[in-house]
Amino acid sequence: MVNWLLPSAPADKLIPKEQRHSAFIKYRTRILVSTILAYASYYIVKSNFTLSSPYLTKDVGLTTADIGLVLSALAISYGIGKFFMGLLADRLNPRYFVGVGLILSAIFNTFFGYTRNLWVMVLLMIGVGVTQGIGAPCCQKSLATWFDEHQLGTATSTWNISHNIGSGTASLIVAGTVGAFGAANIHNIFLIPSLISIVMALIVMALGVDTPESVGLPKVNKNKEKNIKHKTSWGAFRDNIMKNPIVWALCIMNAFSYILRYGIENWIPIYLSTSKGFS
């Protein structure tokens, strides 16, 4: 029943050598476009609650403490979801798994717009957070599979514009929805971004590709001498990650950058609307 989520089998025939260069360009372009579209769409759903928070305080009656509780539920579940969904992403087909995660996240987001119960909101936001955790691991796996170590930095930085595309598009969608249907119809502020994201999920699954081997291309070369060999996943996790001071340093720096980033992003809509009178 879920065999389509498993990694694709290698193609029966290899693409001729003289055609491989152009084939790699074509498929790498598809991977970049599909991962950018996918993660931008994830951000349309993820940013939805933050952008709608001024309307939730005015029209639904949530307090700033309530908003903080729901945002905390999203942040914590998102972090936990990223870890466990990353383990799954390594074992599944990222082309389809990323689409499934986006559709599930959009469904939770849709239901959020139809409830006024705080604790139901918290539970739904946990669902959004866990399924949001599928997006980044799938996209990063696809990039690492298709680009070698000399191209991966450029590919990743290009993919990272999806954060900004998604956040900016979400703002326009919410503003357009409020302008068309009014702020009192809260469910539309959640429904319309969700429907857009579901359509994008289907496009991403049609456009994406699993591995080079699945389309008849050779595996992308990696410097295997840099990797420590392990017989188990736990051994690789323990030695390459848990005992790696560089990883811990990056984690600490990233944690503090997120405190600054989310401290501004999550609260600026309410601040600008209540303190500065912004529409």
Protein backbone atom coordinates (compact mmCIF):
# COMPACT_ATOMS: atom_id res chain seq x y z
CA MET A 1 0.00 0.00 0.00
CA VAL A 2 2.86 2.38 0.74
CA ASN A 3 5.39 0.87 -1.66
CA TRP A 4 5.31 4.08 -3.69
CA LEU A 5 6.92 5.85 -0.71
CA LEU A 6 9.92 3.51 -0.78
CA PRO A 7 13.12 4.41 -2.69
CA SER A 8 12.88 3.93 -6.46
CA ALA A 9 14.61 0.94 -8.01
CA PRO A 10 17.57 1.57 -10.35
CA ALA A 11 16.63 2.00 -13.99
CA ASP A 12 16.98 -1.03 -16.25
CA LYS A 13 19.21 0.82 -18.71
CA LEU A 14 21.88 3.47 -18.19
CA ILE A 15 21.78 6.69 -20.18
CA PRO A 16 24.60 6.66 -22.80
CA LYS A 17 27.77 8.44 -21.68
CA GLU A 18 27.52 11.15 -24.33
CA GLN A 19 24.05 12.12 -23.04
CA ARG A 20 24.80 12.06 -19.32
CA HIS A 21 26.07 15.63 -18.99
CA SER A 22 22.91 17.14 -20.46
CA ALA A 23 20.76 14.66 -18.49
CA PHE A 24 22.42 15.71 -15.22
CA ILE A 25 21.79 19.37 -16.02
CA LYS A 26 18.12 18.65 -16.77
CA TYR A 27 17.50 16.57 -13.65
CA ARG A 28 19.49 18.86 -11.35
CA THR A 29 17.41 21.78 -12.60
CA ARG A 30 14.26 19.80 -11.83
CA ILE A 31 15.55 18.98 -8.35
CA LEU A 32 16.34 22.64 -7.61
CA VAL A 33 12.99 23.86 -8.90
CA SER A 34 10.98 21.14 -7.14
CA THR A 35 12.74 21.58 -3.78
CA ILE A 36 12.40 25.38 -3.93
CA LEU A 37 8.69 25.11 -4.75
CA ALA A 38 8.20 22.46 -2.06
CA TYR A 39 9.83 24.35 0.79
CA ALA A 40 8.32 27.67 -0.24
CA SER A 41 4.93 25.97 -0.01
CA TYR A 42 5.82 24.56 3.41
CA TYR A 43 6.51 28.13 4.52
CA ILE A 44 3.14 29.30 3.20
CA VAL A 45 1.52 26.92 5.71
CA LYS A 46 4.06 27.49 8.48
CA SER A 47 3.77 31.29 8.33
CA ASN A 48 -0.02 31.19 8.21
CA PHE A 49 -0.63 31.31 11.97
CA THR A 50 1.88 34.08 12.62
CA LEU A 51 0.39 36.30 9.91
CA SER A 52 -3.17 35.65 11.10
CA SER A 53 -2.37 36.28 14.79
CA PRO A 54 -3.61 39.93 14.78
CA TYR A 55 -7.01 38.73 13.52
CA LEU A 56 -7.10 35.88 16.03
CA THR A 57 -6.60 38.34 18.89
CA LYS A 58 -9.19 40.82 17.59
CA ASP A 59 -11.92 38.55 16.22
CA VAL A 60 -11.46 35.22 18.04
CA GLY A 61 -10.41 36.68 21.38
CA LEU A 62 -7.07 34.94 21.85
CA THR A 63 -4.69 36.68 24.23
CA THR A 64 -0.99 37.21 23.54
CA ALA A 65 -0.34 34.41 26.06
CA ASP A 66 -2.57 32.12 23.98
CA ILE A 67 -0.69 33.10 20.82
CA GLY A 68 2.60 32.34 22.60
CA LEU A 69 1.31 28.92 23.68
CA VAL A 70 0.30 27.96 20.15
CA LEU A 71 3.58 29.26 18.71
CA SER A 72 5.50 27.24 21.31
CA ALA A 73 3.55 24.13 20.35
CA LEU A 74 4.52 24.71 16.72
CA ALA A 75 8.20 25.36 17.48
CA ILE A 76 8.69 22.38 19.80
CA SER A 77 6.79 19.90 17.62
CA TYR A 78 8.62 21.21 14.55
CA GLY A 79 12.01 20.57 16.16
CA ILE A 80 11.05 17.07 17.31
CA GLY A 81 9.40 16.36 13.96
CA LYS A 82 12.50 17.39 12.03
CA PHE A 83 14.62 14.86 13.93
CA PHE A 84 12.33 11.85 13.51
CA MET A 85 11.14 12.75 10.02
CA GLY A 86 14.77 13.14 9.00
CA LEU A 87 15.35 9.52 10.01
CA LEU A 88 12.40 8.50 7.85
CA ALA A 89 13.47 10.72 4.93
CA ASP A 90 16.76 8.81 4.71
CA ARG A 91 14.80 5.61 4.15
CA LEU A 92 12.00 6.83 1.87
CA ASN A 93 11.58 8.42 -1.54
CA PRO A 94 11.93 12.18 -0.91
CA ARG A 95 10.04 12.98 -4.11
CA TYR A 96 6.79 11.65 -2.64
CA PHE A 97 7.48 11.98 1.07
CA VAL A 98 7.92 15.75 0.77
CA GLY A 99 4.55 16.00 -0.99
CA VAL A 100 2.79 13.84 1.59
CA GLY A 101 4.17 16.00 4.41
CA LEU A 102 2.98 19.18 2.71
CA ILE A 103 -0.54 17.81 2.12
CA LEU A 104 -0.85 16.62 5.74
CA SER A 105 0.43 19.96 7.05
CA ALA A 106 -2.11 21.79 4.87
CA ILE A 107 -4.94 19.60 6.18
CA PHE A 108 -4.06 20.35 9.81
CA ASN A 109 -3.79 24.03 8.90
CA THR A 110 -7.25 23.98 7.27
CA PHE A 111 -8.91 22.48 10.35
CA PHE A 112 -7.22 25.15 12.50
CA GLY A 113 -9.33 27.84 10.85
CA TYR A 114 -12.59 26.16 11.87
CA THR A 115 -12.02 25.90 15.64
CA ARG A 116 -12.20 28.45 18.43
CA ASN A 117 -11.02 26.08 21.17
CA LEU A 118 -7.49 26.91 22.35
CA TRP A 119 -6.49 23.34 23.17
CA VAL A 120 -7.76 22.03 19.85
CA MET A 121 -5.67 24.78 18.25
CA VAL A 122 -2.62 23.57 20.18
CA LEU A 123 -3.17 19.96 19.06
CA LEU A 124 -3.67 20.99 15.44
CA MET A 125 -0.54 23.15 15.56
CA ILE A 126 1.42 20.18 16.89
CA GLY A 127 0.18 18.29 13.83
CA VAL A 128 1.34 21.15 11.62
CA GLY A 129 4.74 21.19 13.34
CA VAL A 130 5.40 17.45 13.07
CA THR A 131 4.43 17.30 9.39
CA GLN A 132 6.39 20.50 8.68
CA GLY A 133 9.43 18.57 9.92
CA ILE A 134 9.27 16.46 6.75
CA GLY A 135 10.10 19.32 4.41
CA ALA A 136 13.71 20.29 5.10
CA PRO A 137 15.15 16.73 5.48
CA CYS A 138 13.58 15.62 2.19
CA CYS A 139 14.83 18.66 0.28
CA GLN A 140 18.31 18.41 1.80
CA LYS A 141 18.50 14.70 1.02
CA SER A 142 17.58 15.35 -2.62
CA LEU A 143 20.23 18.06 -2.93
CA ALA A 144 22.92 15.89 -1.33
CA THR A 145 21.98 12.99 -3.63
CA TRP A 146 22.18 14.99 -6.84
CA PHE A 147 25.03 17.45 -6.23
CA ASP A 148 28.64 16.59 -5.38
CA GLU A 149 30.63 18.29 -2.64
CA HIS A 150 31.88 21.02 -5.03
CA GLN A 151 28.34 21.98 -6.09
CA LEU A 152 26.36 21.33 -2.91
CA GLY A 153 27.06 24.69 -1.26
CA THR A 154 25.82 26.60 -4.31
CA ALA A 155 22.80 24.30 -4.68
CA THR A 156 21.90 24.65 -0.99
CA SER A 157 22.22 28.43 -0.98
CA THR A 158 20.04 28.60 -4.09
CA TRP A 159 17.45 26.34 -2.43
CA ASN A 160 17.50 28.55 0.67
CA ILE A 161 15.75 31.36 -1.19
CA SER A 162 12.64 29.20 -0.82
CA HIS A 163 12.34 30.43 2.80
CA ASN A 164 12.00 34.01 1.60
CA ILE A 165 9.78 33.17 -1.36
CA GLY A 166 7.42 31.23 0.92
CA SER A 167 7.30 33.84 3.67
CA GLY A 168 6.76 36.69 1.22
CA THR A 169 4.11 34.79 -0.73
CA ALA A 170 2.29 33.85 2.50
CA SER A 171 2.04 37.54 3.42
CA LEU A 172 0.52 38.37 0.03
CA ILE A 173 -1.92 35.44 0.22
CA VAL A 174 -3.15 36.39 3.70
CA ALA A 175 -3.45 40.07 2.77
CA GLY A 176 -5.31 39.19 -0.43
CA THR A 177 -7.63 36.81 1.41
CA VAL A 178 -8.48 39.41 4.05
CA GLY A 179 -9.07 42.00 1.33
CA ALA A 180 -11.37 39.68 -0.62
CA PHE A 181 -13.32 37.98 2.18
CA GLY A 182 -12.79 40.20 5.22
CA ALA A 183 -10.94 39.53 8.45
CA ALA A 184 -14.03 38.14 10.20
CA ASN A 185 -13.98 35.01 8.02
CA ILE A 186 -10.96 33.55 9.80
CA HIS A 187 -11.32 30.10 8.22
CA ASN A 188 -10.54 31.54 4.76
CA ILE A 189 -7.18 32.83 6.03
CA PHE A 190 -6.24 29.20 6.70
CA LEU A 191 -8.19 27.46 3.95
CA ILE A 192 -6.87 29.32 0.92
CA PRO A 193 -3.11 28.97 1.71
CA SER A 194 -3.75 25.28 2.43
CA LEU A 195 -5.46 24.70 -0.92
CA ILE A 196 -2.60 26.46 -2.72
CA SER A 197 -0.07 24.29 -0.86
CA ILE A 198 -1.91 21.07 -1.74
CA VAL A 199 -1.84 21.98 -5.43
CA MET A 200 1.88 22.79 -5.12
CA ALA A 201 2.48 19.40 -3.42
CA LEU A 202 1.03 17.60 -6.45
CA ILE A 203 3.20 19.68 -8.80
CA VAL A 204 6.32 18.96 -6.72
CA MET A 205 5.67 15.20 -6.71
CA ALA A 206 5.23 15.26 -10.51
CA LEU A 207 8.38 17.35 -11.04
CA GLY A 208 10.74 15.73 -8.52
CA VAL A 209 13.14 12.81 -8.99
CA ASP A 210 14.41 10.25 -6.49
CA THR A 211 18.03 9.33 -7.26
CA PRO A 212 20.32 9.50 -10.33
CA GLU A 213 20.29 5.69 -10.48
CA SER A 214 16.49 5.65 -10.75
CA VAL A 215 16.64 7.52 -14.08
CA GLY A 216 19.63 5.67 -15.54
CA LEU A 217 22.45 7.94 -14.38
CA PRO A 218 25.48 6.91 -12.32
CA LYS A 219 25.65 7.75 -8.63
CA VAL A 220 27.12 11.18 -7.89
CA ASN A 221 30.75 10.86 -6.78
CA LYS A 222 31.52 11.60 -3.14
CA ASN A 223 34.79 11.67 -1.25
CA LYS A 224 34.31 8.42 0.67
CA GLU A 225 37.62 8.74 2.53
CA LYS A 226 36.13 11.54 4.65
CA ASN A 227 33.36 9.29 5.98
CA ILE A 228 33.80 7.06 9.01
CA LYS A 229 32.57 3.53 8.28
CA HIS A 230 29.98 2.06 10.63
CA LYS A 231 27.96 -1.11 10.71
CA THR A 232 24.93 0.54 12.33
CA SER A 233 23.05 3.82 11.97
CA TRP A 234 23.49 4.44 15.71
CA GLY A 235 27.27 4.12 15.39
CA ALA A 236 27.32 6.66 12.56
CA PHE A 237 25.05 9.02 14.52
CA ARG A 238 27.14 8.68 17.69
CA ASP A 239 30.58 9.19 16.12
CA ASN A 240 29.80 11.60 13.27
CA ILE A 241 27.28 13.77 15.11
CA MET A 242 27.12 13.31 18.90
CA LYS A 243 30.91 13.33 19.30
CA ASN A 244 31.52 16.05 16.71
CA PRO A 245 32.27 19.45 18.37
CA ILE A 246 31.70 21.29 15.08
CA VAL A 247 28.14 19.97 14.93
CA TRP A 248 27.50 21.09 18.53
CA ALA A 249 28.95 24.54 17.81
CA LEU A 250 26.68 24.91 14.78
CA CYS A 251 23.68 23.77 16.85
CA ILE A 252 24.36 26.39 19.52
CA MET A 253 24.87 29.18 16.98
CA ASN A 254 21.75 28.16 15.09
CA ALA A 255 19.70 28.09 18.31
CA PHE A 256 20.62 31.67 19.14
CA SER A 257 20.02 32.86 15.59
CA TYR A 258 16.53 31.30 15.77
CA ILE A 259 15.81 33.06 19.06
CA LEU A 260 16.47 36.36 17.28
CA ARG A 261 14.74 35.36 14.06
CA TYR A 262 11.54 33.95 15.55
CA GLY A 263 11.43 36.59 18.26
CA ILE A 264 11.02 39.12 15.47
CA GLU A 265 9.06 37.10 12.88
CA ASN A 266 6.49 35.60 15.24
CA TRP A 267 5.61 38.77 17.13
CA ILE A 268 6.02 41.60 14.65
CA PRO A 269 2.51 41.21 13.11
CA ILE A 270 0.84 41.71 16.50
CA TYR A 271 3.28 44.47 17.49
CA LEU A 272 2.75 46.45 14.29
CA SER A 273 -1.03 46.07 14.39
CA THR A 274 -1.55 46.84 18.08
CA SER A 275 1.24 49.34 18.83
CA LYS A 276 1.66 51.04 15.46
CA GLY A 277 -1.84 50.74 14.03
CA PHE A 278 -0.71 48.93 10.86
CA SER A 279 -3.37 47.27 8.68
